[in-house]
Amino acid sequence: MKYFFLTLSFLLLSCEKNTTNSHSLSGSALGTTYSVKYFSEDYILKESVIDSILKDINLSMSTYMRESDISRINAGESVVVDDNFQKVFRASQRIYNDTDGYFDPSVGMLVNAYGFGPQGYSEDVKESQIDSLFQFVGFNHIQLSEEAKVISNLPVLYLDFNAIAKGYTVDVFGNYLNSKGVTHYLVEIGGEVRVKGKNLEKASPWKVGIELPSENNSRELMYGIQLKDESLATSGNYRKFRLDPLSGKKYVHTINPNTGQSQKTDIFSASVITNTCADADAYATAFMAMGFEKSLQFIEKQNALKVILIYSDSEGNQKTYISPEIQSSVEKF
């Protein structure tokens, strides 16, 4: 079998042959890359459409743009937010409640303090600083008014939707293709994936490869999985981390919203398969903070989520949990 490798968790590969209705686009998006492959005899997706979608989402939710709605809100302005922001906010509320706060977009100030925000790393992280910033965390203190304005009871507010925005953008691309009657496609942004139909060139389901968690850039595949009309997102700490130059301490980008700590759990990599990529993105982030046992307990109560969790057991051995529903679709390399 041949698999698509996607960036971060995967690397997208071009196919060996073309058909008259096969189309591909790729480029930069949200600080990473995107790839779109679709089949259509009468519709051509223009790069200008993709650029327009990305511009709207960046102006809504990019913490790297001072003029974006989220940056203005974080600066204390009262802003009427757009439809993209509202959808992501409500999805975040739902998943925050569903995961008992393990997914929490209000951790933005902690993300910045640990050196993973727009300003990057500035100084050694002090526990006293983390303790003082922890009082500003709690998505349950934040609401969206009828006028589409963010209302917060927190003394200081800093929202960060980066753990769901890529997945949401993948959904926007997919929904746009749906609206144009495209029934066979693969959309990927920075490793977050949504597929519909089949890969008509291969006359088979879309196939993606999941990487072996590794801190180097080997990009070695560990598993392959077939997807149909599904989304998949992966979160991991094996590449996105930093070492403090003074203390030598390693900080991972996963923040536990319930403790305020940059926390490396026993999960190396969490891949989530579900209907929407926004949900897959957010839940994968939550599982990284939960750890394996809590994640497994959560997953066993959920019918909509399927997972591949690569984790360390009590003796330090690397193990993999694969949801029973997808085991027949997964191949180990």
C-alpha atoms as a PDB file:
ATOM      1  CA  MET A   1       0.000   0.000   0.000  1.00  0.00           C
ATOM      2  CA  LYS A   2       1.076   3.571  -0.650  1.00  0.00           C
ATOM      3  CA  TYR A   3       0.277   6.273   1.872  1.00  0.00           C
ATOM      4  CA  PHE A   4       0.109  10.039   1.828  1.00  0.00           C
ATOM      5  CA  PHE A   5       2.661  11.474   4.270  1.00  0.00           C
ATOM      6  CA  LEU A   6       1.504  14.779   5.752  1.00  0.00           C
ATOM      7  CA  THR A   7       3.525  17.596   7.344  1.00  0.00           C
ATOM      8  CA  LEU A   8       4.103  17.501  11.123  1.00  0.00           C
ATOM      9  CA  SER A   9       2.291  14.233  11.722  1.00  0.00           C
ATOM     10  CA  PHE A  10       2.351  13.532   8.000  1.00  0.00           C
ATOM     11  CA  LEU A  11       4.052  14.592   4.772  1.00  0.00           C
ATOM     12  CA  LEU A  12       1.942  14.941   1.646  1.00  0.00           C
ATOM     13  CA  LEU A  13       3.327  13.118  -1.368  1.00  0.00           C
ATOM     14  CA  SER A  14       2.362  13.738  -4.954  1.00  0.00           C
ATOM     15  CA  CYS A  15       0.816  10.841  -6.827  1.00  0.00           C
ATOM     16  CA  GLU A  16       2.647   9.046  -9.576  1.00  0.00           C
ATOM     17  CA  LYS A  17       0.044   9.557 -12.249  1.00  0.00           C
ATOM     18  CA  ASN A  18      -2.498  12.159 -13.243  1.00  0.00           C
ATOM     19  CA  THR A  19      -6.034  11.909 -14.503  1.00  0.00           C
ATOM     20  CA  THR A  20      -7.956  14.565 -16.383  1.00  0.00           C
ATOM     21  CA  ASN A  21     -10.010  15.470 -13.307  1.00  0.00           C
ATOM     22  CA  SER A  22      -7.231  15.383 -10.693  1.00  0.00           C
ATOM     23  CA  HIS A  23      -6.205  18.740  -9.204  1.00  0.00           C
ATOM     24  CA  SER A  24      -3.644  19.701  -6.549  1.00  0.00           C
ATOM     25  CA  LEU A  25      -2.780  22.937  -4.762  1.00  0.00           C
ATOM     26  CA  SER A  26      -0.218  23.648  -2.057  1.00  0.00           C
ATOM     27  CA  GLY A  27       1.250  26.637  -0.288  1.00  0.00           C
ATOM     28  CA  SER A  28       1.781  28.376   3.046  1.00  0.00           C
ATOM     29  CA  ALA A  29      -0.922  28.802   5.669  1.00  0.00           C
ATOM     30  CA  LEU A  30      -1.156  29.640   9.383  1.00  0.00           C
ATOM     31  CA  GLY A  31       2.583  29.433   9.923  1.00  0.00           C
ATOM     32  CA  THR A  32       2.831  26.049   8.214  1.00  0.00           C
ATOM     33  CA  THR A  33       1.854  24.533   4.847  1.00  0.00           C
ATOM     34  CA  TYR A  34      -1.345  23.376   3.199  1.00  0.00           C
ATOM     35  CA  SER A  35      -2.139  20.796   0.525  1.00  0.00           C
ATOM     36  CA  VAL A  36      -5.413  20.208  -1.304  1.00  0.00           C
ATOM     37  CA  LYS A  37      -6.035  17.328  -3.694  1.00  0.00           C
ATOM     38  CA  TYR A  38      -9.435  16.855  -5.288  1.00  0.00           C
ATOM     39  CA  PHE A  39     -11.202  15.355  -8.290  1.00  0.00           C
ATOM     40  CA  SER A  40     -13.640  17.350 -10.393  1.00  0.00           C
ATOM     41  CA  GLU A  41     -14.433  17.571 -14.081  1.00  0.00           C
ATOM     42  CA  ASP A  42     -16.059  20.996 -13.982  1.00  0.00           C
ATOM     43  CA  TYR A  43     -14.742  22.901 -10.955  1.00  0.00           C
ATOM     44  CA  ILE A  44     -11.304  24.471 -10.512  1.00  0.00           C
ATOM     45  CA  LEU A  45     -10.347  25.711  -7.050  1.00  0.00           C
ATOM     46  CA  LYS A  46      -8.446  28.960  -7.489  1.00  0.00           C
ATOM     47  CA  GLU A  47      -5.540  29.927  -5.286  1.00  0.00           C
ATOM     48  CA  SER A  48      -7.174  33.322  -4.790  1.00  0.00           C
ATOM     49  CA  VAL A  49     -10.114  31.607  -3.062  1.00  0.00           C
ATOM     50  CA  ILE A  50      -7.760  29.848  -0.661  1.00  0.00           C
ATOM     51  CA  ASP A  51      -5.914  33.112  -0.004  1.00  0.00           C
ATOM     52  CA  SER A  52      -9.219  34.850   0.750  1.00  0.00           C
ATOM     53  CA  ILE A  53     -10.288  32.150   3.218  1.00  0.00           C
ATOM     54  CA  LEU A  54      -6.916  32.242   4.962  1.00  0.00           C
ATOM     55  CA  LYS A  55      -6.957  36.045   5.145  1.00  0.00           C
ATOM     56  CA  ASP A  56     -10.393  36.039   6.795  1.00  0.00           C
ATOM     57  CA  ILE A  57      -9.370  33.419   9.358  1.00  0.00           C
ATOM     58  CA  ASN A  58      -6.097  35.176  10.158  1.00  0.00           C
ATOM     59  CA  LEU A  59      -7.874  38.506  10.631  1.00  0.00           C
ATOM     60  CA  SER A  60     -10.250  36.737  12.979  1.00  0.00           C
ATOM     61  CA  MET A  61      -8.030  34.486  15.108  1.00  0.00           C
ATOM     62  CA  SER A  62      -4.297  34.992  14.538  1.00  0.00           C
ATOM     63  CA  THR A  63      -2.446  36.041  17.691  1.00  0.00           C
ATOM     64  CA  TYR A  64       0.487  36.886  15.404  1.00  0.00           C
ATOM     65  CA  MET A  65      -1.415  39.786  13.781  1.00  0.00           C
ATOM     66  CA  ARG A  66      -1.967  42.902  15.885  1.00  0.00           C
ATOM     67  CA  GLU A  67      -4.984  43.919  13.824  1.00  0.00           C
ATOM     68  CA  SER A  68      -6.815  40.582  14.190  1.00  0.00           C
ATOM     69  CA  ASP A  69      -9.996  40.374  16.245  1.00  0.00           C
ATOM     70  CA  ILE A  70      -8.399  38.076  18.814  1.00  0.00           C
ATOM     71  CA  SER A  71      -5.368  40.344  19.261  1.00  0.00           C
ATOM     72  CA  ARG A  72      -7.611  43.363  19.734  1.00  0.00           C
ATOM     73  CA  ILE A  73      -9.685  41.453  22.294  1.00  0.00           C
ATOM     74  CA  ASN A  74      -6.513  40.386  24.104  1.00  0.00           C
ATOM     75  CA  ALA A  75      -5.475  44.051  24.143  1.00  0.00           C
ATOM     76  CA  GLY A  76      -8.708  44.942  25.944  1.00  0.00           C
ATOM     77  CA  GLU A  77     -10.806  46.236  23.051  1.00  0.00           C
ATOM     78  CA  SER A  78     -14.515  45.533  22.662  1.00  0.00           C
ATOM     79  CA  VAL A  79     -14.888  43.775  19.315  1.00  0.00           C
ATOM     80  CA  VAL A  80     -17.869  42.371  17.422  1.00  0.00           C
ATOM     81  CA  VAL A  81     -16.388  39.090  16.219  1.00  0.00           C
ATOM     82  CA  ASP A  82     -17.051  37.444  12.872  1.00  0.00           C
ATOM     83  CA  ASP A  83     -18.690  34.123  12.059  1.00  0.00           C
ATOM     84  CA  ASN A  84     -15.386  32.220  12.068  1.00  0.00           C
ATOM     85  CA  PHE A  85     -14.572  33.409  15.573  1.00  0.00           C
ATOM     86  CA  GLN A  86     -18.062  32.594  16.829  1.00  0.00           C
ATOM     87  CA  LYS A  87     -17.942  29.031  15.487  1.00  0.00           C
ATOM     88  CA  VAL A  88     -14.517  28.357  16.986  1.00  0.00           C
ATOM     89  CA  PHE A  89     -15.514  29.939  20.298  1.00  0.00           C
ATOM     90  CA  ARG A  90     -18.633  27.768  20.603  1.00  0.00           C
ATOM     91  CA  ALA A  91     -16.760  24.612  19.606  1.00  0.00           C
ATOM     92  CA  SER A  92     -14.120  25.485  22.204  1.00  0.00           C
ATOM     93  CA  GLN A  93     -16.795  25.973  24.871  1.00  0.00           C
ATOM     94  CA  ARG A  94     -18.306  22.581  24.104  1.00  0.00           C
ATOM     95  CA  ILE A  95     -14.978  20.751  24.176  1.00  0.00           C
ATOM     96  CA  TYR A  96     -13.814  22.653  27.273  1.00  0.00           C
ATOM     97  CA  ASN A  97     -16.889  21.398  29.123  1.00  0.00           C
ATOM     98  CA  ASP A  98     -16.627  17.920  27.626  1.00  0.00           C
ATOM     99  CA  THR A  99     -12.977  17.469  28.701  1.00  0.00           C
ATOM    100  CA  ASP A 100     -13.332  19.035  32.171  1.00  0.00           C
ATOM    101  CA  GLY A 101     -11.118  21.912  31.143  1.00  0.00           C
ATOM    102  CA  TYR A 102      -8.235  19.961  29.614  1.00  0.00           C
ATOM    103  CA  PHE A 103      -8.873  21.910  26.414  1.00  0.00           C
ATOM    104  CA  ASP A 104      -8.826  25.588  27.334  1.00  0.00           C
ATOM    105  CA  PRO A 105      -8.070  28.468  24.911  1.00  0.00           C
ATOM    106  CA  SER A 106      -7.668  30.866  27.847  1.00  0.00           C
ATOM    107  CA  VAL A 107      -4.165  29.495  28.573  1.00  0.00           C
ATOM    108  CA  GLY A 108      -2.675  32.046  26.179  1.00  0.00           C
ATOM    109  CA  MET A 109      -0.737  33.955  28.832  1.00  0.00           C
ATOM    110  CA  LEU A 110       0.867  30.712  30.018  1.00  0.00           C
ATOM    111  CA  VAL A 111       1.699  29.729  26.435  1.00  0.00           C
ATOM    112  CA  ASN A 112       3.458  33.084  26.086  1.00  0.00           C
ATOM    113  CA  ALA A 113       5.253  32.738  29.435  1.00  0.00           C
ATOM    114  CA  TYR A 114       6.686  29.365  28.448  1.00  0.00           C
ATOM    115  CA  GLY A 115       7.981  30.840  25.189  1.00  0.00           C
ATOM    116  CA  PHE A 116       5.544  29.302  22.696  1.00  0.00           C
ATOM    117  CA  GLY A 117       3.580  32.452  21.827  1.00  0.00           C
ATOM    118  CA  PRO A 118       4.079  35.231  19.264  1.00  0.00           C
ATOM    119  CA  GLN A 119       6.910  36.841  21.253  1.00  0.00           C
ATOM    120  CA  GLY A 120       8.926  33.630  21.534  1.00  0.00           C
ATOM    121  CA  TYR A 121      11.323  32.929  24.405  1.00  0.00           C
ATOM    122  CA  SER A 122      12.574  35.852  26.485  1.00  0.00           C
ATOM    123  CA  GLU A 123      13.765  34.643  29.904  1.00  0.00           C
ATOM    124  CA  ASP A 124      13.851  31.724  32.308  1.00  0.00           C
ATOM    125  CA  VAL A 125      10.382  30.639  33.411  1.00  0.00           C
ATOM    126  CA  LYS A 126       9.870  31.205  37.136  1.00  0.00           C
ATOM    127  CA  GLU A 127       7.289  29.251  39.128  1.00  0.00           C
ATOM    128  CA  SER A 128       6.168  32.447  40.841  1.00  0.00           C
ATOM    129  CA  GLN A 129       5.428  33.928  37.416  1.00  0.00           C
ATOM    130  CA  ILE A 130       3.382  30.859  36.413  1.00  0.00           C
ATOM    131  CA  ASP A 131       1.456  30.969  39.692  1.00  0.00           C
ATOM    132  CA  SER A 132       0.566  34.624  39.159  1.00  0.00           C
ATOM    133  CA  LEU A 133      -0.569  34.024  35.571  1.00  0.00           C
ATOM    134  CA  PHE A 134      -2.628  30.944  36.461  1.00  0.00           C
ATOM    135  CA  GLN A 135      -5.334  33.197  37.928  1.00  0.00           C
ATOM    136  CA  PHE A 136      -6.075  34.362  34.375  1.00  0.00           C
ATOM    137  CA  VAL A 137      -6.960  30.850  33.140  1.00  0.00           C
ATOM    138  CA  GLY A 138     -10.515  29.516  32.949  1.00  0.00           C
ATOM    139  CA  PHE A 139     -12.649  29.390  29.810  1.00  0.00           C
ATOM    140  CA  ASN A 140     -15.731  28.982  32.019  1.00  0.00           C
ATOM    141  CA  HIS A 141     -15.307  32.660  32.933  1.00  0.00           C
ATOM    142  CA  ILE A 142     -15.633  33.752  29.298  1.00  0.00           C
ATOM    143  CA  GLN A 143     -18.846  34.104  27.295  1.00  0.00           C
ATOM    144  CA  LEU A 144     -20.011  35.351  23.908  1.00  0.00           C
ATOM    145  CA  SER A 145     -22.780  37.945  24.104  1.00  0.00           C
ATOM    146  CA  GLU A 146     -25.811  38.197  21.832  1.00  0.00           C
ATOM    147  CA  GLU A 147     -23.991  41.065  20.121  1.00  0.00           C
ATOM    148  CA  ALA A 148     -21.093  38.678  19.347  1.00  0.00           C
ATOM    149  CA  LYS A 149     -18.735  40.333  21.815  1.00  0.00           C
ATOM    150  CA  VAL A 150     -16.442  38.431  24.171  1.00  0.00           C
ATOM    151  CA  ILE A 151     -17.324  38.960  27.830  1.00  0.00           C
ATOM    152  CA  SER A 152     -14.906  37.858  30.543  1.00  0.00           C
ATOM    153  CA  ASN A 153     -14.879  37.779  34.336  1.00  0.00           C
ATOM    154  CA  LEU A 154     -11.123  37.240  34.364  1.00  0.00           C
ATOM    155  CA  PRO A 155      -8.942  40.175  35.516  1.00  0.00           C
ATOM    156  CA  VAL A 156      -6.879  39.844  32.340  1.00  0.00           C
ATOM    157  CA  LEU A 157      -7.860  37.964  29.185  1.00  0.00           C
ATOM    158  CA  TYR A 158      -5.614  36.351  26.584  1.00  0.00           C
ATOM    159  CA  LEU A 159      -7.279  33.916  24.206  1.00  0.00           C
ATOM    160  CA  ASP A 160      -5.321  31.544  21.984  1.00  0.00           C
ATOM    161  CA  PHE A 161      -7.192  29.346  19.480  1.00  0.00           C
ATOM    162  CA  ASN A 162      -4.066  27.838  17.903  1.00  0.00           C
ATOM    163  CA  ALA A 163      -4.966  24.356  19.193  1.00  0.00           C
ATOM    164  CA  ILE A 164      -8.191  24.330  17.167  1.00  0.00           C
ATOM    165  CA  ALA A 165      -7.742  26.928  14.405  1.00  0.00           C
ATOM    166  CA  LYS A 166      -5.830  24.721  11.964  1.00  0.00           C
ATOM    167  CA  GLY A 167      -8.443  21.999  12.216  1.00  0.00           C
ATOM    168  CA  TYR A 168     -11.210  24.554  11.805  1.00  0.00           C
ATOM    169  CA  THR A 169      -9.544  25.973   8.689  1.00  0.00           C
ATOM    170  CA  VAL A 170      -9.340  22.471   7.205  1.00  0.00           C
ATOM    171  CA  ASP A 171     -13.101  22.187   7.776  1.00  0.00           C
ATOM    172  CA  VAL A 172     -13.700  25.533   6.059  1.00  0.00           C
ATOM    173  CA  PHE A 173     -11.758  24.330   3.015  1.00  0.00           C
ATOM    174  CA  GLY A 174     -13.661  21.038   3.011  1.00  0.00           C
ATOM    175  CA  ASN A 175     -17.038  22.709   3.371  1.00  0.00           C
ATOM    176  CA  TYR A 176     -16.183  25.056   0.522  1.00  0.00           C
ATOM    177  CA  LEU A 177     -15.386  22.101  -1.742  1.00  0.00           C
ATOM    178  CA  ASN A 178     -18.643  20.464  -0.633  1.00  0.00           C
ATOM    179  CA  SER A 179     -20.534  23.595  -1.668  1.00  0.00           C
ATOM    180  CA  LYS A 180     -19.021  23.312  -5.157  1.00  0.00           C
ATOM    181  CA  GLY A 181     -20.148  19.726  -5.561  1.00  0.00           C
ATOM    182  CA  VAL A 182     -16.701  18.172  -5.093  1.00  0.00           C
ATOM    183  CA  THR A 183     -17.201  14.700  -3.630  1.00  0.00           C
ATOM    184  CA  HIS A 184     -13.641  13.343  -3.590  1.00  0.00           C
ATOM    185  CA  TYR A 185     -10.910  15.355  -1.874  1.00  0.00           C
ATOM    186  CA  LEU A 186      -8.133  15.501   0.715  1.00  0.00           C
ATOM    187  CA  VAL A 187      -7.385  18.746   2.561  1.00  0.00           C
ATOM    188  CA  GLU A 188      -4.369  19.074   4.856  1.00  0.00           C
ATOM    189  CA  ILE A 189      -2.961  21.979   6.864  1.00  0.00           C
ATOM    190  CA  GLY A 190       0.106  21.367   8.991  1.00  0.00           C
ATOM    191  CA  GLY A 191      -0.751  17.708   9.458  1.00  0.00           C
ATOM    192  CA  GLU A 192      -4.467  18.136  10.155  1.00  0.00           C
ATOM    193  CA  VAL A 193      -6.511  16.247   7.569  1.00  0.00           C
ATOM    194  CA  ARG A 194     -10.027  15.969   6.213  1.00  0.00           C
ATOM    195  CA  VAL A 195     -11.045  13.601   3.439  1.00  0.00           C
ATOM    196  CA  LYS A 196     -14.178  12.866   1.479  1.00  0.00           C
ATOM    197  CA  GLY A 197     -14.899  10.060  -0.942  1.00  0.00           C
ATOM    198  CA  LYS A 198     -11.941   8.209  -2.410  1.00  0.00           C
ATOM    199  CA  ASN A 199      -8.600   8.707  -4.085  1.00  0.00           C
ATOM    200  CA  LEU A 200      -9.904   8.094  -7.599  1.00  0.00           C
ATOM    201  CA  GLU A 201      -6.403   7.731  -9.030  1.00  0.00           C
ATOM    202  CA  LYS A 202      -5.907   4.646  -6.897  1.00  0.00           C
ATOM    203  CA  ALA A 203      -9.570   3.572  -6.846  1.00  0.00           C
ATOM    204  CA  SER A 204      -9.206   3.149  -3.098  1.00  0.00           C
ATOM    205  CA  PRO A 205      -9.832   5.010   0.169  1.00  0.00           C
ATOM    206  CA  TRP A 206      -7.581   7.899   1.085  1.00  0.00           C
ATOM    207  CA  LYS A 207      -4.591   6.636   3.050  1.00  0.00           C
ATOM    208  CA  VAL A 208      -2.390   8.621   5.429  1.00  0.00           C
ATOM    209  CA  GLY A 209       0.734   7.696   7.345  1.00  0.00           C
ATOM    210  CA  ILE A 210       1.292   8.456  11.029  1.00  0.00           C
ATOM    211  CA  GLU A 211       4.840   9.158  12.112  1.00  0.00           C
ATOM    212  CA  LEU A 212       6.940   7.432  14.716  1.00  0.00           C
ATOM    213  CA  PRO A 213       7.331   9.967  17.565  1.00  0.00           C
ATOM    214  CA  SER A 214      10.916  11.184  17.355  1.00  0.00           C
ATOM    215  CA  GLU A 215      12.734  14.391  18.260  1.00  0.00           C
ATOM    216  CA  ASN A 216      14.863  14.235  15.123  1.00  0.00           C
ATOM    217  CA  ASN A 217      13.654  14.928  11.603  1.00  0.00           C
ATOM    218  CA  SER A 218      13.653  11.334  10.373  1.00  0.00           C
ATOM    219  CA  ARG A 219       9.940  11.412   9.421  1.00  0.00           C
ATOM    220  CA  GLU A 220       9.769   7.644   9.820  1.00  0.00           C
ATOM    221  CA  LEU A 221       6.300   6.180   9.416  1.00  0.00           C
ATOM    222  CA  MET A 222       4.874   3.993  12.156  1.00  0.00           C
ATOM    223  CA  TYR A 223       1.289   3.410  11.016  1.00  0.00           C
ATOM    224  CA  GLY A 224      -0.884   3.847   7.958  1.00  0.00           C
ATOM    225  CA  ILE A 225      -4.633   4.320   8.150  1.00  0.00           C
ATOM    226  CA  GLN A 226      -7.477   4.444   5.635  1.00  0.00           C
ATOM    227  CA  LEU A 227      -9.967   7.288   5.973  1.00  0.00           C
ATOM    228  CA  LYS A 228     -13.338   7.937   4.375  1.00  0.00           C
ATOM    229  CA  ASP A 229     -15.473  11.031   4.985  1.00  0.00           C
ATOM    230  CA  GLU A 230     -13.488  11.697   8.167  1.00  0.00           C
ATOM    231  CA  SER A 231     -11.024  14.092   9.728  1.00  0.00           C
ATOM    232  CA  LEU A 232      -7.789  13.317  11.535  1.00  0.00           C
ATOM    233  CA  ALA A 233      -5.544  15.496  13.680  1.00  0.00           C
ATOM    234  CA  THR A 234      -2.421  14.639  15.648  1.00  0.00           C
ATOM    235  CA  SER A 235      -0.824  16.365  18.619  1.00  0.00           C
ATOM    236  CA  GLY A 236       2.602  15.527  20.039  1.00  0.00           C
ATOM    237  CA  ASN A 237       5.430  16.943  22.127  1.00  0.00           C
ATOM    238  CA  TYR A 238       8.269  15.195  20.361  1.00  0.00           C
ATOM    239  CA  ARG A 239       9.216  18.156  18.127  1.00  0.00           C
ATOM    240  CA  LYS A 240       7.708  21.312  19.570  1.00  0.00           C
ATOM    241  CA  PHE A 241       9.680  21.968  22.739  1.00  0.00           C
ATOM    242  CA  ARG A 242      12.463  24.207  23.955  1.00  0.00           C
ATOM    243  CA  LEU A 243      15.405  23.910  26.343  1.00  0.00           C
ATOM    244  CA  ASP A 244      15.995  26.733  28.781  1.00  0.00           C
ATOM    245  CA  PRO A 245      19.560  28.008  28.148  1.00  0.00           C
ATOM    246  CA  LEU A 246      20.082  28.852  31.838  1.00  0.00           C
ATOM    247  CA  SER A 247      18.560  25.919  33.688  1.00  0.00           C
ATOM    248  CA  GLY A 248      18.672  23.318  30.914  1.00  0.00           C
ATOM    249  CA  LYS A 249      15.077  22.404  31.705  1.00  0.00           C
ATOM    250  CA  LYS A 250      12.961  21.068  28.852  1.00  0.00           C
ATOM    251  CA  TYR A 251       9.591  22.730  28.270  1.00  0.00           C
ATOM    252  CA  VAL A 252       6.982  21.106  26.035  1.00  0.00           C
ATOM    253  CA  HIS A 253       4.264  23.118  24.309  1.00  0.00           C
ATOM    254  CA  THR A 254       1.416  21.198  25.983  1.00  0.00           C
ATOM    255  CA  ILE A 255       0.070  23.251  28.886  1.00  0.00           C
ATOM    256  CA  ASN A 256      -2.124  21.548  31.483  1.00  0.00           C
ATOM    257  CA  PRO A 257      -4.890  24.136  32.000  1.00  0.00           C
ATOM    258  CA  ASN A 258      -5.776  22.611  35.378  1.00  0.00           C
ATOM    259  CA  THR A 259      -2.295  23.128  36.841  1.00  0.00           C
ATOM    260  CA  GLY A 260      -0.740  25.811  34.651  1.00  0.00           C
ATOM    261  CA  GLN A 261       2.308  23.627  34.056  1.00  0.00           C
ATOM    262  CA  SER A 262       4.135  22.824  30.838  1.00  0.00           C
ATOM    263  CA  GLN A 263       3.555  19.126  31.286  1.00  0.00           C
ATOM    264  CA  LYS A 264       4.965  16.123  29.482  1.00  0.00           C
ATOM    265  CA  THR A 265       2.607  13.212  30.093  1.00  0.00           C
ATOM    266  CA  ASP A 266       3.020   9.551  29.162  1.00  0.00           C
ATOM    267  CA  ILE A 267       1.480  10.177  25.720  1.00  0.00           C
ATOM    268  CA  PHE A 268       3.997  10.813  22.951  1.00  0.00           C
ATOM    269  CA  SER A 269       1.433  11.289  20.189  1.00  0.00           C
ATOM    270  CA  ALA A 270      -2.362  11.506  20.093  1.00  0.00           C
ATOM    271  CA  SER A 271      -4.178  11.063  16.768  1.00  0.00           C
ATOM    272  CA  VAL A 272      -7.935  11.601  16.764  1.00  0.00           C
ATOM    273  CA  ILE A 273     -10.352  10.604  14.009  1.00  0.00           C
ATOM    274  CA  THR A 274     -13.830  12.133  13.984  1.00  0.00           C
ATOM    275  CA  ASN A 275     -16.254  14.037  11.743  1.00  0.00           C
ATOM    276  CA  THR A 276     -14.771  17.534  11.938  1.00  0.00           C
ATOM    277  CA  CYS A 277     -11.114  18.460  11.949  1.00  0.00           C
ATOM    278  CA  ALA A 278     -11.696  21.229  14.502  1.00  0.00           C
ATOM    279  CA  ASP A 279     -12.935  18.646  17.005  1.00  0.00           C
ATOM    280  CA  ALA A 280     -10.099  16.241  16.174  1.00  0.00           C
ATOM    281  CA  ASP A 281      -7.560  19.041  16.661  1.00  0.00           C
ATOM    282  CA  ALA A 282      -8.946  20.136  20.032  1.00  0.00           C
ATOM    283  CA  TYR A 283      -9.430  16.651  21.470  1.00  0.00           C
ATOM    284  CA  ALA A 284      -5.906  15.615  20.436  1.00  0.00           C
ATOM    285  CA  THR A 285      -4.584  18.595  22.403  1.00  0.00           C
ATOM    286  CA  ALA A 286      -6.703  17.660  25.426  1.00  0.00           C
ATOM    287  CA  PHE A 287      -5.477  14.052  25.416  1.00  0.00           C
ATOM    288  CA  MET A 288      -1.853  15.189  25.453  1.00  0.00           C
ATOM    289  CA  ALA A 289      -2.590  17.050  28.700  1.00  0.00           C
ATOM    290  CA  MET A 290      -4.753  14.286  30.207  1.00  0.00           C
ATOM    291  CA  GLY A 291      -2.268  11.458  29.871  1.00  0.00           C
ATOM    292  CA  PHE A 292      -3.057   7.917  28.787  1.00  0.00           C
ATOM    293  CA  GLU A 293      -5.308   6.573  31.562  1.00  0.00           C
ATOM    294  CA  LYS A 294      -7.602   9.611  31.701  1.00  0.00           C
ATOM    295  CA  SER A 295      -7.724   9.759  27.909  1.00  0.00           C
ATOM    296  CA  LEU A 296      -8.673   6.089  27.682  1.00  0.00           C
ATOM    297  CA  GLN A 297     -11.441   6.498  30.256  1.00  0.00           C
ATOM    298  CA  PHE A 298     -12.744   9.481  28.317  1.00  0.00           C
ATOM    299  CA  ILE A 299     -12.589   7.757  24.919  1.00  0.00           C
ATOM    300  CA  GLU A 300     -14.424   4.662  26.150  1.00  0.00           C
ATOM    301  CA  LYS A 301     -17.448   6.870  26.873  1.00  0.00           C
ATOM    302  CA  GLN A 302     -17.381   8.532  23.445  1.00  0.00           C
ATOM    303  CA  ASN A 303     -18.877   7.023  20.300  1.00  0.00           C
ATOM    304  CA  ALA A 304     -17.779   9.788  17.928  1.00  0.00           C
ATOM    305  CA  LEU A 305     -14.031   9.687  18.645  1.00  0.00           C
ATOM    306  CA  LYS A 306     -11.527   7.103  17.429  1.00  0.00           C
ATOM    307  CA  VAL A 307      -7.883   7.346  18.386  1.00  0.00           C
ATOM    308  CA  ILE A 308      -4.344   6.122  17.934  1.00  0.00           C
ATOM    309  CA  LEU A 309      -2.431   6.897  21.143  1.00  0.00           C
ATOM    310  CA  ILE A 310       1.302   6.229  21.215  1.00  0.00           C
ATOM    311  CA  TYR A 311       2.369   6.239  24.862  1.00  0.00           C
ATOM    312  CA  SER A 312       4.847   4.984  27.444  1.00  0.00           C
ATOM    313  CA  ASP A 313       3.821   2.278  29.921  1.00  0.00           C
ATOM    314  CA  SER A 314       4.884   2.167  33.586  1.00  0.00           C
ATOM    315  CA  GLU A 315       8.177   0.494  32.643  1.00  0.00           C
ATOM    316  CA  GLY A 316       9.031   3.046  29.961  1.00  0.00           C
ATOM    317  CA  ASN A 317       8.150   0.843  27.002  1.00  0.00           C
ATOM    318  CA  GLN A 318       6.510   2.459  23.980  1.00  0.00           C
ATOM    319  CA  LYS A 319       2.999   1.136  23.435  1.00  0.00           C
ATOM    320  CA  THR A 320       0.106   1.964  21.116  1.00  0.00           C
ATOM    321  CA  TYR A 321      -3.620   2.001  21.782  1.00  0.00           C
ATOM    322  CA  ILE A 322      -5.858   1.831  18.702  1.00  0.00           C
ATOM    323  CA  SER A 323      -9.637   2.143  18.967  1.00  0.00           C
ATOM    324  CA  PRO A 324     -11.260  -1.218  18.134  1.00  0.00           C
ATOM    325  CA  GLU A 325     -13.447   0.380  15.441  1.00  0.00           C
ATOM    326  CA  ILE A 326     -10.441   1.324  13.291  1.00  0.00           C
ATOM    327  CA  GLN A 327      -8.034  -1.543  13.946  1.00  0.00           C
ATOM    328  CA  SER A 328      -8.886  -3.205  10.632  1.00  0.00           C
ATOM    329  CA  SER A 329      -8.054   0.060   8.803  1.00  0.00           C
ATOM    330  CA  VAL A 330      -4.640   0.494  10.429  1.00  0.00           C
ATOM    331  CA  GLU A 331      -1.423  -1.026   9.128  1.00  0.00           C
ATOM    332  CA  LYS A 332       1.821  -1.070  11.120  1.00  0.00           C
ATOM    333  CA  PHE A 333       5.063  -0.554   9.238  1.00  0.00           C
END
